[in-house]
Amino acid sequence: MERPAKRIRTHKAFSPWLFLLPGVGVIAAFNLYPFFTTVYKAFTDARTLTSGNWVGLQNFQTMIHDDQFWTALRNSGLYVLLVVPFTVLLPLLLAMLVQKQIPGITFFRSAFYTPVVASVVVVGLIWVWILDDRGLVNGILNVLGAGPVKFLGDQWLLLLSAMALTIWKGLGYYMIIYLAALANVPRELHEAASVDGAGPIRRFVSVTMPSVRPTMVLVGALSSVNAFKVFSEVFLLAGPSGGPAGEDTTLVMLVQRVGTGLNGRVGYASAISLIVFVIALLLMLLVLRADRKEDPR
């Protein structure tokens, strides 16, 4: 009787791991293995068709003297600085707007969320048509006598246009996150603030923002990482060259440009990818640490 009982206990101990095995296998094959392979190749001179040799820190030394890398780092940094504040505050205001139970509000909720589920390629092409020299915006400006504006031909206007596209496409996604947080804000707090004479702006600053602060930190961390790793928006508006003279290239675009092709510098691209990973991780930790300092609990 002891052996069957012992066998049953053994099966019970291993059964949960058997259910986890398929998921762990997928993560190991498509996440962990590529990650460790990239880390290893960052210290080699691997090419597309060759495995390469160990070169130590040579790729990182090359990176320090690479003007393209510093241009891409500047653009990715500016993307974070300019995009994150809008993606933290605008979706919160939008969520407060669509939270109201008024006729037809469901339509607006769906309309605001539509860009999230739309293909980024389709959305990017639509924005190219809108911002083109003969597009909708310049057509209106021509009618008004303001003349055409080179949205896609000027370095800074192109980068700002890509930022606007990123903000617009992410509004609906972060709005849904804020809606879930606003649903947990006690209505009594707003009523008490109203009795004390607080207006809408005062209630927003003193009641709403402190109540959804953990969600704001989450949105800030997510949007920081996503903004720093931006690729599709800039690539679609600027093209493979990265805009005029490549001045709008981001770090992920540089990885794609350097590491692809029959003679792609896979080792150097892996080194840039490792830098992107480290900076993105530091951004997330910085946001979380700043929240801990401000929260005395």
Foldseek 3Di string as FASTA:
>chain_A
DVVVVVVVVVCVVCVVVVVCVVVVVVCCVPPVVVLVLLVQLLQFQDWPPGSGDGNGCVLVVVLVVDPLNVLQQVLLVVLLVPQLVLLLPVLLVVLVVLLDDDPPSVVVLCVQQVLQPDDLLVLLVVLLQQLPQPHVVQVVCVVVVNHGDPCLADQVSVSVSLSVSVSSSCSSVLNVLSNVQVVPQDPVLVVVCVVVPDDPVRCCVPGVCVSCVVSSLVSSLVSSLCSSLDDSSQCSSQPLCCHDNVSNHHLNSVLVVQRDDNGHRSNSSSSSVVVSVVVSVVSSVVSVVVVPVVDVD
